[in-house]
């Protein structure tokens, strides 16, 4: 009986040790953090690659009198901050100055920013316009007929162009009073200005070059 009691005591101790080990293992398993999913790192890399080269998220515009009052910037010509009204506040270039439209479609907005509505869309690449004001990356432009709007600076080109504004414009082969006319130009024609001399400018029209009277043109170099 005594030996049987000893065997039962030993068995009880073994069972107790097994239970303690099982409880400890269970507690460790509960406390250990769950392993990260295998695709988490791959997703993070993919997100980073998709943003490469993209424009940064827009931030709040700097506080300024015209920014807090958009109507003033859009309609009163007060967007420029330069002390000299004849110099652009952003570029330091003369105001007004001639530029041309870079692409065949340019959005003309009512104010200097994408939050302003599009008034119309220009569809004439190389159309000469005058920059009359600057605000950040936006340029206020004026057409030949005096119409004004705001376009983004990326839509502006430094290419010298001119607009034929009369129906009597003649293209001459040389800049001379004895030169002969070689073509009659239609009003509204856009041409690249090569140079201006005296009262005429030399234009590049497709593969043809010739001279036109300044009085028949509106655009770059005309007043020089």
Protein backbone atom coordinates (compact mmCIF):
# COMPACT_ATOMS: atom_id res chain seq x y z
CA UNK A 1 0.00 0.00 0.00
CA UNK A 2 2.85 2.32 0.84
CA UNK A 3 4.52 1.73 -2.56
CA UNK A 4 1.24 2.30 -4.34
CA UNK A 5 0.77 5.60 -2.50
CA UNK A 6 4.29 6.68 -3.51
CA UNK A 7 3.61 5.86 -7.17
CA UNK A 8 0.36 7.85 -7.07
CA UNK A 9 2.18 10.85 -5.51
CA UNK A 10 4.86 10.74 -8.18
CA UNK A 11 2.23 10.56 -10.93
CA UNK A 12 0.41 13.53 -9.43
CA UNK A 13 3.59 15.59 -9.44
CA UNK A 14 4.23 14.71 -13.11
CA UNK A 15 0.68 15.68 -14.05
CA UNK A 16 1.08 18.92 -12.13
CA UNK A 17 4.33 19.75 -13.96
CA UNK A 18 2.71 19.00 -17.33
CA UNK A 19 -0.22 21.30 -16.49
CA UNK A 20 2.16 24.08 -15.41
CA UNK A 21 4.16 23.78 -18.64
CA UNK A 22 0.97 23.84 -20.71
CA UNK A 23 -0.28 26.98 -18.90
CA UNK A 24 3.09 28.71 -19.37
CA UNK A 25 3.16 27.88 -23.06
CA UNK A 26 -0.37 29.21 -23.46
CA UNK A 27 0.56 32.48 -21.73
CA UNK A 28 3.64 32.95 -23.95
CA UNK A 29 1.61 32.33 -27.10
CA UNK A 30 -0.96 34.91 -26.00
CA UNK A 31 1.65 37.57 -25.16
CA UNK A 32 3.73 37.16 -28.34
CA UNK A 33 2.82 39.62 -31.17
CA UNK A 34 1.14 38.23 -34.22
CA UNK A 35 3.53 37.89 -37.20
CA UNK A 36 3.23 40.63 -39.85
CA UNK A 37 1.53 39.57 -43.09
CA UNK A 38 3.96 38.67 -45.85
CA UNK A 39 2.48 41.24 -48.32
CA UNK A 40 2.63 44.31 -46.03
CA UNK A 41 6.14 45.36 -47.07
CA UNK A 42 5.39 44.78 -50.73
CA UNK A 43 2.31 47.05 -50.52
CA UNK A 44 4.33 49.85 -48.91
CA UNK A 45 6.94 49.71 -51.66
CA UNK A 46 4.26 49.73 -54.34
CA UNK A 47 2.64 52.82 -52.81
CA UNK A 48 5.97 54.64 -52.76
CA UNK A 49 6.68 53.80 -56.40
CA UNK A 50 3.25 54.96 -57.52
CA UNK A 51 3.91 58.41 -56.05
CA UNK A 52 7.31 58.83 -57.72
CA UNK A 53 7.38 61.90 -59.93
CA UNK A 54 3.91 63.04 -58.87
CA UNK A 55 3.26 66.59 -57.77
CA UNK A 56 3.25 67.06 -53.98
CA UNK A 57 -0.06 67.39 -52.20
CA UNK A 58 -1.35 70.97 -52.31
CA UNK A 59 -0.65 73.07 -49.25
CA UNK A 60 -2.38 76.15 -47.97
CA UNK A 61 -1.55 79.25 -49.95
CA UNK A 62 0.44 81.93 -48.12
CA UNK A 63 -1.68 84.57 -46.50
CA UNK A 64 -1.83 87.80 -48.44
CA UNK A 65 -4.39 90.56 -48.99
CA UNK A 66 -5.20 89.35 -52.50
CA UNK A 67 -5.34 85.68 -51.49
CA UNK A 68 -7.86 86.41 -48.76
CA UNK A 69 -9.79 88.50 -51.26
CA UNK A 70 -9.74 86.54 -54.56
CA UNK A 71 -11.90 89.10 -56.31
CA UNK A 72 -9.21 91.71 -55.83
CA UNK A 73 -6.56 89.49 -57.40
CA UNK A 74 -8.80 88.52 -60.29
CA UNK A 75 -10.46 91.73 -61.26
CA UNK A 76 -8.65 94.79 -59.98
CA UNK A 77 -5.14 94.19 -61.22
CA UNK A 78 -3.72 94.29 -57.68
CA UNK A 79 -2.12 90.82 -57.76
CA UNK A 80 1.41 92.10 -58.34
CA UNK A 81 3.46 92.88 -55.24
CA UNK A 82 6.34 94.58 -56.99
CA UNK A 83 7.00 98.18 -55.98
CA UNK A 84 7.52 98.90 -59.66
CA UNK A 85 4.26 98.37 -61.58
CA UNK A 86 6.27 97.97 -64.77
CA UNK A 87 8.12 94.90 -63.47
CA UNK A 88 6.67 91.45 -62.75
CA UNK A 89 6.59 90.59 -59.05
CA UNK A 90 7.53 86.95 -59.71
CA UNK A 91 9.93 87.14 -62.66
CA UNK A 92 11.35 90.64 -62.57
CA UNK A 93 10.56 90.91 -66.30
CA UNK A 94 8.92 93.97 -67.86
CA UNK A 95 5.16 94.53 -67.71
CA UNK A 96 3.48 94.43 -70.07
CA UNK A 97 5.48 92.08 -72.29
CA UNK A 98 4.65 89.92 -75.25
CA UNK A 99 4.60 86.12 -75.01
CA UNK A 100 2.78 83.43 -76.97
CA UNK A 101 0.58 80.46 -76.08
CA UNK A 102 2.60 77.26 -75.85
CA UNK A 103 -0.08 74.70 -76.75
CA UNK A 104 -3.19 74.36 -78.89
CA UNK A 105 -5.47 74.31 -75.84
CA UNK A 106 -5.04 76.72 -72.93
CA UNK A 107 -7.57 77.26 -70.15
CA UNK A 108 -8.39 80.91 -69.52
CA UNK A 109 -9.54 81.40 -65.93
CA UNK A 110 -11.20 84.25 -64.10
CA UNK A 111 -8.47 84.37 -61.46
CA UNK A 112 -4.97 83.13 -60.60
CA UNK A 113 -5.65 79.54 -59.52
CA UNK A 114 -7.43 76.31 -60.37
CA UNK A 115 -10.18 77.16 -57.92
CA UNK A 116 -11.28 79.89 -60.31
CA UNK A 117 -13.67 78.84 -63.10
CA UNK A 118 -12.57 78.47 -66.71
CA UNK A 119 -14.02 81.33 -68.75
CA UNK A 120 -13.02 79.89 -72.13
CA UNK A 121 -10.36 77.73 -73.78
CA UNK A 122 -7.84 79.16 -76.23
CA UNK A 123 -7.35 76.91 -79.23
CA UNK A 124 -4.69 78.84 -81.12
CA UNK A 125 -1.12 77.76 -80.50
CA UNK A 126 1.45 80.59 -80.76
CA UNK A 127 -1.22 83.28 -80.35
CA UNK A 128 0.58 86.45 -79.18
CA UNK A 129 -0.65 87.88 -75.88
CA UNK A 130 0.63 90.39 -73.36
CA UNK A 131 1.49 89.51 -69.77
CA UNK A 132 0.11 92.40 -67.69
CA UNK A 133 0.31 90.94 -64.18
CA UNK A 134 1.81 88.06 -62.19
CA UNK A 135 0.62 86.13 -59.14
CA UNK A 136 2.60 83.09 -58.04
CA UNK A 137 2.74 80.70 -60.99
CA UNK A 138 -0.12 82.44 -62.81
CA UNK A 139 0.02 85.13 -65.48
CA UNK A 140 -2.67 87.65 -66.34
CA UNK A 141 -2.75 88.08 -70.09
CA UNK A 142 -4.35 90.52 -72.51
CA UNK A 143 -5.38 89.85 -76.10
CA UNK A 144 -5.29 92.24 -79.04
CA UNK A 145 -8.93 93.23 -78.42
CA UNK A 146 -8.26 93.97 -74.73
CA UNK A 147 -9.79 90.76 -73.31
CA UNK A 148 -7.99 89.65 -70.13
CA UNK A 149 -7.75 86.31 -68.32
CA UNK A 150 -5.39 84.22 -66.17
CA UNK A 151 -3.35 81.27 -67.44
CA UNK A 152 -0.69 79.09 -65.83
CA UNK A 153 2.93 79.98 -66.49
CA UNK A 154 3.57 76.59 -68.12
CA UNK A 155 1.20 77.61 -70.92
CA UNK A 156 3.39 80.62 -71.79
CA UNK A 157 6.18 80.54 -74.37
CA UNK A 158 8.89 83.07 -75.11
CA UNK A 159 8.52 82.47 -78.85
CA UNK A 160 8.14 85.78 -80.72
CA UNK A 161 4.96 85.77 -82.77
CA UNK A 162 2.65 88.36 -84.30
CA UNK A 163 -0.98 88.52 -85.28
CA UNK A 164 -2.07 90.05 -88.59
CA UNK A 165 -4.75 92.58 -87.63
CA UNK A 166 -5.72 94.16 -90.97
CA UNK A 167 -7.06 92.91 -94.28
CA UNK A 168 -4.58 94.97 -96.26
CA UNK A 169 -1.36 93.28 -95.08
CA UNK A 170 1.07 92.55 -97.89
CA UNK A 171 4.09 90.27 -97.63
CA UNK A 172 7.17 91.68 -99.40
CA UNK A 173 10.25 89.79 -100.48
CA UNK A 174 12.66 92.43 -99.14
CA UNK A 175 12.66 95.31 -96.67
CA UNK A 176 12.85 97.96 -99.33
CA UNK A 177 10.54 100.51 -100.87
CA UNK A 178 11.28 98.91 -104.23
CA UNK A 179 10.46 95.41 -103.05
CA UNK A 180 7.53 93.65 -104.60
CA UNK A 181 4.61 92.06 -102.75
CA UNK A 182 4.57 88.29 -102.95
CA UNK A 183 1.39 87.55 -100.98
CA UNK A 184 -1.61 89.12 -99.29
CA UNK A 185 -2.06 88.01 -95.67
CA UNK A 186 -5.43 87.28 -94.12
CA UNK A 187 -6.44 89.03 -90.90
CA UNK A 188 -6.03 86.69 -87.94
CA UNK A 189 -2.97 84.93 -89.35
CA UNK A 190 -0.30 84.05 -86.76
CA UNK A 191 3.35 84.10 -87.82
CA UNK A 192 6.74 83.87 -86.17
CA UNK A 193 8.61 87.16 -85.97
CA UNK A 194 12.23 86.86 -87.13
CA UNK A 195 13.24 90.50 -86.67
CA UNK A 196 11.94 94.03 -87.06
CA UNK A 197 13.63 96.92 -88.85
CA UNK A 198 12.38 100.42 -89.52
CA UNK A 199 8.63 100.17 -90.13
CA UNK A 200 8.55 96.49 -91.13
CA UNK A 201 9.02 93.08 -89.57
CA UNK A 202 10.31 89.92 -91.17
CA UNK A 203 7.93 86.99 -90.66
CA UNK A 204 8.34 83.26 -91.03
CA UNK A 205 5.15 81.76 -92.44
CA UNK A 206 5.53 78.02 -92.98
CA UNK A 207 8.49 77.79 -95.37
CA UNK A 208 8.14 81.36 -96.61
CA UNK A 209 9.85 84.47 -95.26
CA UNK A 210 8.87 88.01 -96.04
CA UNK A 211 8.44 91.54 -94.71
CA UNK A 212 5.19 93.08 -93.43
CA UNK A 213 4.44 96.61 -92.27
CA UNK A 214 4.32 97.03 -88.49
CA UNK A 215 0.98 98.80 -88.78
CA UNK A 216 -0.56 95.52 -89.97
CA UNK A 217 0.74 93.49 -87.00
CA UNK A 218 0.28 93.08 -83.26
CA UNK A 219 2.79 91.12 -81.24
CA UNK A 220 6.41 90.67 -80.23
CA UNK A 221 9.15 93.05 -81.38
CA UNK A 222 6.64 95.34 -83.13
CA UNK A 223 7.38 98.30 -80.87
CA UNK A 224 11.16 97.88 -80.92
